[in-house]
């Protein structure tokens, strides 16, 4: 195992500024060349301490923006009118891209990949959909699907 200093957050590995142990090939072939991590030498530790303050400030700004977006999304309801069978099954579906487009029409920009739909919505009714706006901020959005009359 090789010790590296993460320069930014890496899912399932650690947060920016942490020293983590990884396999040598992962560090040598991916993390270090991509600029995601630094080898944990004494010189890099000192250099990184200077960068850490800037990273923490940047991370705080991103987190505040995510909190603001979460406040806009929490409790918001998005409605879709779709054709459906008599049993309530949709002809087609409502996808994360549909939800993102509808939110954008309402003036809230959300990346479709942040909308946590395991499968597209294929039934009429109200559905609770989590939206991951930050690593640990996940507001819930109400998605209402009604039949066209």
N, C-alpha and C. Protein backbone atom coordinates (compact mmCIF):
# COMPACT_ATOMS: atom_id res chain seq x y z
N UNK A 1 0.84 -1.18 0.00
CA UNK A 1 0.00 0.00 0.00
C UNK A 1 0.89 1.24 0.00
N UNK A 2 0.40 2.29 -0.64
CA UNK A 2 1.11 3.56 -0.75
C UNK A 2 0.23 4.64 -0.14
N UNK A 3 0.85 5.56 0.59
CA UNK A 3 0.10 6.64 1.20
C UNK A 3 0.10 7.85 0.26
N UNK A 4 -1.11 8.40 0.00
CA UNK A 4 -1.25 9.58 -0.84
C UNK A 4 -2.10 10.62 -0.12
N UNK A 5 -1.98 11.87 -0.56
CA UNK A 5 -2.79 12.97 -0.03
C UNK A 5 -3.80 13.31 -1.11
N UNK A 6 -5.08 13.23 -0.80
CA UNK A 6 -6.13 13.54 -1.78
C UNK A 6 -6.24 15.05 -1.96
N UNK A 7 -6.27 15.48 -3.22
CA UNK A 7 -6.42 16.91 -3.52
C UNK A 7 -7.87 17.28 -3.70
N UNK A 8 -8.74 16.31 -3.92
CA UNK A 8 -10.18 16.56 -4.01
C UNK A 8 -10.92 15.31 -3.54
N UNK A 9 -12.22 15.45 -3.32
CA UNK A 9 -13.03 14.35 -2.82
C UNK A 9 -13.08 13.23 -3.85
N UNK A 10 -12.97 11.99 -3.37
CA UNK A 10 -13.08 10.82 -4.22
C UNK A 10 -14.08 9.88 -3.55
N UNK A 11 -15.15 9.56 -4.28
CA UNK A 11 -16.18 8.68 -3.72
C UNK A 11 -15.56 7.35 -3.31
N UNK A 12 -15.97 6.85 -2.18
CA UNK A 12 -15.54 5.57 -1.64
C UNK A 12 -14.05 5.52 -1.29
N UNK A 13 -13.39 6.69 -1.25
CA UNK A 13 -11.97 6.70 -0.89
C UNK A 13 -11.71 7.70 0.22
N UNK A 14 -12.14 8.95 0.04
CA UNK A 14 -11.92 9.94 1.09
C UNK A 14 -12.19 11.35 0.60
N UNK A 15 -12.03 12.29 1.52
CA UNK A 15 -12.27 13.69 1.24
C UNK A 15 -10.95 14.40 0.97
N UNK A 16 -11.04 15.55 0.33
CA UNK A 16 -9.85 16.33 0.01
C UNK A 16 -9.09 16.64 1.29
N UNK A 17 -7.77 16.47 1.23
CA UNK A 17 -6.93 16.75 2.38
C UNK A 17 -6.60 15.54 3.23
N UNK A 18 -7.31 14.46 3.05
CA UNK A 18 -7.05 13.26 3.84
C UNK A 18 -5.87 12.49 3.26
N UNK A 19 -5.15 11.83 4.15
CA UNK A 19 -4.09 10.92 3.71
C UNK A 19 -4.68 9.52 3.77
N UNK A 20 -4.64 8.83 2.62
CA UNK A 20 -5.22 7.49 2.53
C UNK A 20 -4.21 6.52 1.95
N UNK A 21 -4.39 5.27 2.26
CA UNK A 21 -3.56 4.20 1.70
C UNK A 21 -4.28 3.58 0.52
N UNK A 22 -3.59 3.50 -0.62
CA UNK A 22 -4.15 2.89 -1.82
C UNK A 22 -3.11 1.94 -2.41
N UNK A 23 -3.53 1.15 -3.34
CA UNK A 23 -2.60 0.25 -4.01
C UNK A 23 -1.64 1.06 -4.89
N UNK A 24 -0.42 0.61 -5.00
CA UNK A 24 0.59 1.38 -5.75
C UNK A 24 0.17 1.68 -7.20
N UNK A 25 -0.42 0.71 -7.88
CA UNK A 25 -0.81 0.92 -9.28
C UNK A 25 -1.91 1.97 -9.42
N UNK A 26 -2.85 1.97 -8.49
CA UNK A 26 -3.94 2.95 -8.51
C UNK A 26 -3.37 4.35 -8.33
N UNK A 27 -2.43 4.51 -7.42
CA UNK A 27 -1.81 5.82 -7.20
C UNK A 27 -0.96 6.21 -8.41
N UNK A 28 -0.11 5.33 -8.86
CA UNK A 28 0.84 5.63 -9.93
C UNK A 28 0.16 5.85 -11.28
N UNK A 29 -0.87 5.06 -11.58
CA UNK A 29 -1.47 5.10 -12.91
C UNK A 29 -2.70 5.99 -13.03
N UNK A 30 -3.33 6.32 -11.91
CA UNK A 30 -4.56 7.10 -12.01
C UNK A 30 -4.56 8.34 -11.12
N UNK A 31 -4.47 8.16 -9.81
CA UNK A 31 -4.64 9.29 -8.89
C UNK A 31 -3.61 10.40 -9.11
N UNK A 32 -2.34 10.06 -9.18
CA UNK A 32 -1.29 11.07 -9.30
C UNK A 32 -1.28 11.71 -10.71
N UNK A 33 -1.33 10.94 -11.80
CA UNK A 33 -1.34 11.58 -13.13
C UNK A 33 -2.56 12.48 -13.38
N UNK A 34 -3.70 12.12 -12.80
CA UNK A 34 -4.92 12.92 -12.99
C UNK A 34 -4.94 14.16 -12.09
N UNK A 35 -3.97 14.28 -11.19
CA UNK A 35 -3.92 15.43 -10.29
C UNK A 35 -4.89 15.30 -9.13
N UNK A 36 -5.41 14.12 -8.91
CA UNK A 36 -6.37 13.89 -7.83
C UNK A 36 -5.66 13.74 -6.49
N UNK A 37 -4.41 13.25 -6.53
CA UNK A 37 -3.67 13.00 -5.29
C UNK A 37 -2.20 13.33 -5.49
N UNK A 38 -1.52 13.49 -4.36
CA UNK A 38 -0.08 13.70 -4.32
C UNK A 38 0.54 12.57 -3.50
N UNK A 39 1.75 12.17 -3.87
CA UNK A 39 2.46 11.21 -3.04
C UNK A 39 2.71 11.86 -1.68
N UNK A 40 2.58 11.10 -0.61
CA UNK A 40 2.65 11.66 0.75
C UNK A 40 4.09 11.81 1.21
N UNK A 41 4.86 12.64 0.51
CA UNK A 41 6.22 12.95 0.94
C UNK A 41 6.16 14.16 1.86
N UNK A 42 7.26 14.41 2.57
CA UNK A 42 7.29 15.55 3.51
C UNK A 42 7.10 16.88 2.77
N UNK A 43 7.77 17.04 1.63
CA UNK A 43 7.62 18.27 0.85
C UNK A 43 6.20 18.48 0.36
N UNK A 44 5.55 17.40 -0.11
CA UNK A 44 4.17 17.51 -0.59
C UNK A 44 3.21 17.80 0.56
N UNK A 45 3.50 17.29 1.74
CA UNK A 45 2.64 17.58 2.90
C UNK A 45 2.65 19.07 3.21
N UNK A 46 3.85 19.69 3.20
CA UNK A 46 3.94 21.13 3.47
C UNK A 46 3.25 21.92 2.37
N UNK A 47 3.50 21.53 1.12
CA UNK A 47 2.89 22.22 -0.02
C UNK A 47 1.36 22.11 0.03
N UNK A 48 0.90 20.93 0.41
CA UNK A 48 -0.54 20.73 0.43
C UNK A 48 -1.23 21.52 1.53
N UNK A 49 -0.56 21.74 2.64
CA UNK A 49 -1.15 22.53 3.73
C UNK A 49 -1.56 23.91 3.24
N UNK A 50 -0.75 24.49 2.34
CA UNK A 50 -1.10 25.78 1.76
C UNK A 50 -2.33 25.65 0.87
N UNK A 51 -2.38 24.58 0.08
CA UNK A 51 -3.54 24.37 -0.81
C UNK A 51 -4.79 24.04 -0.01
N UNK A 52 -4.63 23.43 1.14
CA UNK A 52 -5.77 22.97 1.93
C UNK A 52 -6.71 24.12 2.29
N UNK A 53 -6.15 25.26 2.68
CA UNK A 53 -6.99 26.40 3.04
C UNK A 53 -7.86 26.81 1.86
N UNK A 54 -7.28 26.86 0.68
CA UNK A 54 -8.05 27.23 -0.51
C UNK A 54 -9.12 26.18 -0.82
N UNK A 55 -8.77 24.92 -0.67
CA UNK A 55 -9.72 23.85 -0.93
C UNK A 55 -10.89 23.92 0.05
N UNK A 56 -10.59 24.15 1.32
CA UNK A 56 -11.64 24.23 2.34
C UNK A 56 -12.58 25.40 2.06
N UNK A 57 -12.02 26.55 1.66
CA UNK A 57 -12.87 27.69 1.33
C UNK A 57 -13.75 27.39 0.13
N UNK A 58 -13.17 26.77 -0.88
CA UNK A 58 -13.93 26.42 -2.07
C UNK A 58 -15.02 25.40 -1.73
N UNK A 59 -14.69 24.40 -0.92
CA UNK A 59 -15.66 23.39 -0.52
C UNK A 59 -16.80 24.01 0.28
N UNK A 60 -16.49 25.00 1.10
CA UNK A 60 -17.53 25.67 1.88
C UNK A 60 -18.48 26.45 0.97
N UNK A 61 -17.93 27.10 -0.05
CA UNK A 61 -18.79 27.83 -1.01
C UNK A 61 -19.70 26.85 -1.76
N UNK A 62 -19.15 25.73 -2.17
CA UNK A 62 -19.94 24.72 -2.88
C UNK A 62 -21.04 24.18 -1.97
N UNK A 63 -20.71 23.92 -0.71
CA UNK A 63 -21.68 23.40 0.24
C UNK A 63 -22.80 24.41 0.50
N UNK A 64 -22.46 25.70 0.61
CA UNK A 64 -23.48 26.73 0.82
C UNK A 64 -24.42 26.80 -0.38
N UNK A 65 -23.86 26.72 -1.60
CA UNK A 65 -24.69 26.73 -2.80
C UNK A 65 -25.61 25.50 -2.83
N UNK A 66 -25.08 24.36 -2.41
CA UNK A 66 -25.88 23.14 -2.36
C UNK A 66 -27.00 23.25 -1.32
N UNK A 67 -26.70 23.88 -0.17
CA UNK A 67 -27.73 24.09 0.86
C UNK A 67 -28.85 24.97 0.32
N UNK A 68 -28.46 26.01 -0.42
CA UNK A 68 -29.45 26.92 -1.00
C UNK A 68 -30.33 26.19 -2.02
N UNK A 69 -29.71 25.39 -2.87
CA UNK A 69 -30.46 24.61 -3.86
C UNK A 69 -31.37 23.60 -3.17
N UNK A 70 -30.88 22.98 -2.11
CA UNK A 70 -31.69 22.01 -1.36
C UNK A 70 -32.91 22.69 -0.77
N UNK A 71 -32.75 23.93 -0.29
CA UNK A 71 -33.88 24.67 0.25
C UNK A 71 -34.93 24.93 -0.81
N UNK A 72 -34.50 25.19 -2.04
CA UNK A 72 -35.44 25.41 -3.14
C UNK A 72 -36.15 24.12 -3.53
N UNK A 73 -35.46 22.99 -3.45
CA UNK A 73 -36.03 21.72 -3.89
C UNK A 73 -36.90 21.04 -2.85
N UNK A 74 -36.56 21.18 -1.57
CA UNK A 74 -37.27 20.46 -0.51
C UNK A 74 -38.75 20.82 -0.53
N UNK A 75 -39.58 19.81 -0.68
CA UNK A 75 -41.02 20.02 -0.66
C UNK A 75 -41.60 20.49 -1.97
N UNK A 76 -40.78 20.79 -2.96
CA UNK A 76 -41.27 21.24 -4.27
C UNK A 76 -41.97 20.08 -4.96
N UNK A 77 -43.02 20.41 -5.69
CA UNK A 77 -43.75 19.38 -6.43
C UNK A 77 -43.67 19.66 -7.91
N UNK A 78 -43.39 18.62 -8.67
CA UNK A 78 -43.32 18.70 -10.12
C UNK A 78 -44.39 17.77 -10.66
N UNK A 79 -45.20 18.28 -11.60
CA UNK A 79 -46.31 17.48 -12.14
C UNK A 79 -46.09 17.15 -13.61
N UNK A 80 -46.52 15.96 -13.97
CA UNK A 80 -46.46 15.52 -15.36
C UNK A 80 -47.82 14.97 -15.75
N UNK A 81 -48.23 15.25 -16.97
CA UNK A 81 -49.47 14.71 -17.51
C UNK A 81 -49.07 13.70 -18.57
N UNK A 82 -49.47 12.45 -18.37
CA UNK A 82 -49.09 11.38 -19.29
C UNK A 82 -50.31 10.50 -19.59
N UNK A 83 -50.26 9.83 -20.73
CA UNK A 83 -51.31 8.86 -21.06
C UNK A 83 -51.05 7.60 -20.25
N UNK A 84 -52.15 6.99 -19.80
CA UNK A 84 -52.00 5.78 -18.99
C UNK A 84 -53.13 4.80 -19.28
N UNK A 85 -52.90 3.56 -18.94
CA UNK A 85 -53.92 2.53 -19.11
C UNK A 85 -54.94 2.67 -17.98
N UNK A 86 -56.00 1.91 -18.06
CA UNK A 86 -57.03 1.96 -17.02
C UNK A 86 -56.49 1.49 -15.67
N UNK A 87 -55.48 0.65 -15.69
CA UNK A 87 -54.91 0.14 -14.45
C UNK A 87 -53.93 1.13 -13.82
N UNK A 88 -53.67 2.25 -14.50
CA UNK A 88 -52.77 3.26 -13.95
C UNK A 88 -51.34 3.13 -14.40
N UNK A 89 -51.07 2.24 -15.31
CA UNK A 89 -49.72 2.05 -15.86
C UNK A 89 -49.52 3.04 -17.00
N UNK A 90 -48.38 3.73 -17.02
CA UNK A 90 -48.12 4.73 -18.05
C UNK A 90 -47.74 4.09 -19.38
N UNK A 91 -48.14 4.75 -20.48
CA UNK A 91 -47.63 4.42 -21.80
C UNK A 91 -46.37 5.25 -21.95
N UNK A 92 -45.23 4.69 -21.63
CA UNK A 92 -43.99 5.43 -21.58
C UNK A 92 -43.56 5.55 -20.13
N UNK A 93 -42.83 6.59 -19.80
CA UNK A 93 -42.37 6.75 -18.42
C UNK A 93 -41.95 8.19 -18.18
N UNK A 94 -41.65 8.49 -16.91
CA UNK A 94 -41.09 9.77 -16.52
C UNK A 94 -39.67 9.48 -16.04
N UNK A 95 -38.69 10.08 -16.70
CA UNK A 95 -37.29 9.81 -16.39
C UNK A 95 -36.66 10.96 -15.62
N UNK A 96 -35.44 10.75 -15.17
CA UNK A 96 -34.69 11.79 -14.48
C UNK A 96 -34.48 13.00 -15.39
N UNK A 97 -34.28 12.76 -16.68
CA UNK A 97 -34.10 13.86 -17.63
C UNK A 97 -35.38 14.68 -17.74
N UNK A 98 -36.55 14.02 -17.72
CA UNK A 98 -37.84 14.73 -17.75
C UNK A 98 -37.97 15.63 -16.53
N UNK A 99 -37.62 15.10 -15.37
CA UNK A 99 -37.73 15.87 -14.12
C UNK A 99 -36.78 17.06 -14.16
N UNK A 100 -35.54 16.84 -14.62
CA UNK A 100 -34.57 17.93 -14.71
C UNK A 100 -35.04 19.01 -15.67
N UNK A 101 -35.64 18.62 -16.81
CA UNK A 101 -36.16 19.60 -17.77
C UNK A 101 -37.30 20.41 -17.17
N UNK A 102 -38.18 19.75 -16.45
CA UNK A 102 -39.31 20.45 -15.82
C UNK A 102 -38.82 21.42 -14.75
N UNK A 103 -37.85 21.01 -13.96
CA UNK A 103 -37.28 21.91 -12.95
C UNK A 103 -36.61 23.11 -13.60
N UNK A 104 -35.95 22.88 -14.73
CA UNK A 104 -35.29 23.99 -15.43
C UNK A 104 -36.31 24.99 -15.95
N UNK A 105 -37.46 24.50 -16.40
CA UNK A 105 -38.54 25.40 -16.83
C UNK A 105 -39.02 26.27 -15.67
N UNK A 106 -38.94 25.73 -14.45
CA UNK A 106 -39.36 26.47 -13.26
C UNK A 106 -38.23 27.33 -12.70
N UNK A 107 -37.07 27.32 -13.36
CA UNK A 107 -35.97 28.19 -12.95
C UNK A 107 -35.00 27.57 -11.96
N UNK A 108 -35.03 26.25 -11.80
CA UNK A 108 -34.10 25.57 -10.88
C UNK A 108 -33.25 24.61 -11.71
N UNK A 109 -31.96 24.89 -11.79
CA UNK A 109 -31.05 24.06 -12.59
C UNK A 109 -30.52 22.90 -11.76
N UNK A 110 -30.86 21.68 -12.18
CA UNK A 110 -30.40 20.47 -11.51
C UNK A 110 -29.91 19.51 -12.58
N UNK A 111 -28.74 18.94 -12.38
CA UNK A 111 -28.21 17.95 -13.30
C UNK A 111 -29.05 16.68 -13.21
N UNK A 112 -29.37 16.10 -14.34
CA UNK A 112 -30.22 14.90 -14.34
C UNK A 112 -29.59 13.74 -13.59
N UNK A 113 -28.25 13.70 -13.53
CA UNK A 113 -27.57 12.62 -12.81
C UNK A 113 -27.70 12.75 -11.31
N UNK A 114 -28.09 13.94 -10.83
CA UNK A 114 -28.27 14.16 -9.40
C UNK A 114 -29.62 13.62 -8.93
N UNK A 115 -30.54 13.42 -9.86
CA UNK A 115 -31.87 12.93 -9.52
C UNK A 115 -31.78 11.41 -9.37
N UNK A 116 -32.06 10.93 -8.17
CA UNK A 116 -31.84 9.53 -7.81
C UNK A 116 -33.05 8.65 -8.07
N UNK A 117 -33.36 8.43 -9.34
CA UNK A 117 -34.41 7.50 -9.73
C UNK A 117 -33.76 6.16 -10.01
N UNK A 118 -34.16 5.13 -9.28
CA UNK A 118 -33.59 3.81 -9.55
C UNK A 118 -34.09 3.31 -10.90
N UNK A 119 -35.38 3.48 -11.15
CA UNK A 119 -36.00 3.12 -12.41
C UNK A 119 -36.92 4.25 -12.82
N UNK A 120 -37.17 4.43 -14.11
CA UNK A 120 -38.12 5.47 -14.52
C UNK A 120 -39.49 5.23 -13.89
N UNK A 121 -40.22 6.30 -13.65
CA UNK A 121 -41.56 6.20 -13.06
C UNK A 121 -42.53 5.73 -14.14
N UNK A 122 -43.25 4.66 -13.86
CA UNK A 122 -44.16 4.08 -14.85
C UNK A 122 -45.58 3.96 -14.34
N UNK A 123 -45.88 4.57 -13.19
CA UNK A 123 -47.22 4.49 -12.61
C UNK A 123 -47.75 5.88 -12.30
N UNK A 124 -49.08 6.01 -12.34
CA UNK A 124 -49.70 7.26 -11.93
C UNK A 124 -49.55 7.45 -10.43
N UNK A 125 -49.69 8.69 -9.96
CA UNK A 125 -49.65 8.95 -8.53
C UNK A 125 -48.51 9.86 -8.14
N UNK A 126 -48.30 9.96 -6.82
CA UNK A 126 -47.23 10.80 -6.30
C UNK A 126 -46.04 9.92 -5.93
N UNK A 127 -44.87 10.41 -6.23
CA UNK A 127 -43.64 9.67 -5.97
C UNK A 127 -42.65 10.59 -5.27
N UNK A 128 -41.94 10.06 -4.28
CA UNK A 128 -40.89 10.80 -3.58
C UNK A 128 -39.57 10.48 -4.29
N UNK A 129 -38.88 11.53 -4.75
CA UNK A 129 -37.64 11.33 -5.49
C UNK A 129 -36.52 12.10 -4.81
N UNK A 130 -35.48 11.41 -4.32
CA UNK A 130 -34.34 12.12 -3.73
C UNK A 130 -33.47 12.75 -4.81
N UNK A 131 -32.90 13.91 -4.48
CA UNK A 131 -32.01 14.62 -5.40
C UNK A 131 -30.71 14.88 -4.64
N UNK A 132 -29.61 14.31 -5.10
CA UNK A 132 -28.32 14.51 -4.42
C UNK A 132 -27.66 15.77 -4.99
N UNK A 133 -27.70 16.85 -4.20
CA UNK A 133 -27.10 18.10 -4.63
C UNK A 133 -25.68 18.26 -4.09
N UNK A 134 -25.32 17.44 -3.10
CA UNK A 134 -23.98 17.45 -2.51
C UNK A 134 -23.78 16.07 -1.91
N UNK A 135 -22.55 15.76 -1.53
CA UNK A 135 -22.27 14.43 -1.01
C UNK A 135 -23.19 14.02 0.12
N UNK A 136 -23.53 14.95 1.02
CA UNK A 136 -24.36 14.60 2.17
C UNK A 136 -25.62 15.44 2.26
N UNK A 137 -26.03 16.08 1.16
CA UNK A 137 -27.26 16.86 1.14
C UNK A 137 -28.16 16.27 0.06
N UNK A 138 -29.29 15.72 0.50
CA UNK A 138 -30.19 15.04 -0.43
C UNK A 138 -31.65 15.37 -0.13
N UNK A 139 -32.16 16.50 -0.65
CA UNK A 139 -33.55 16.85 -0.43
C UNK A 139 -34.47 15.91 -1.22
N UNK A 140 -35.75 15.90 -0.84
CA UNK A 140 -36.73 15.05 -1.50
C UNK A 140 -37.68 15.92 -2.31
N UNK A 141 -37.94 15.47 -3.52
CA UNK A 141 -38.79 16.17 -4.46
C UNK A 141 -40.04 15.32 -4.66
N UNK A 142 -41.21 15.96 -4.74
CA UNK A 142 -42.44 15.22 -5.01
C UNK A 142 -42.72 15.28 -6.50
N UNK A 143 -42.91 14.13 -7.10
CA UNK A 143 -43.22 14.04 -8.52
C UNK A 143 -44.62 13.46 -8.64
N UNK A 144 -45.50 14.25 -9.23
CA UNK A 144 -46.90 13.84 -9.38
C UNK A 144 -47.14 13.52 -10.85
N UNK A 145 -47.67 12.33 -11.11
CA UNK A 145 -47.98 11.91 -12.47
C UNK A 145 -49.47 11.68 -12.55
N UNK A 146 -50.13 12.44 -13.42
CA UNK A 146 -51.58 12.32 -13.58
C UNK A 146 -51.89 11.95 -15.02
N UNK A 147 -53.06 11.40 -15.23
CA UNK A 147 -53.47 10.99 -16.57
C UNK A 147 -54.09 12.18 -17.30
N UNK A 148 -53.93 12.18 -18.61
CA UNK A 148 -54.56 13.24 -19.38
C UNK A 148 -56.02 12.86 -19.60
N UNK A 149 -56.86 13.83 -19.43
CA UNK A 149 -58.31 13.58 -19.55
C UNK A 149 -58.80 14.10 -20.87
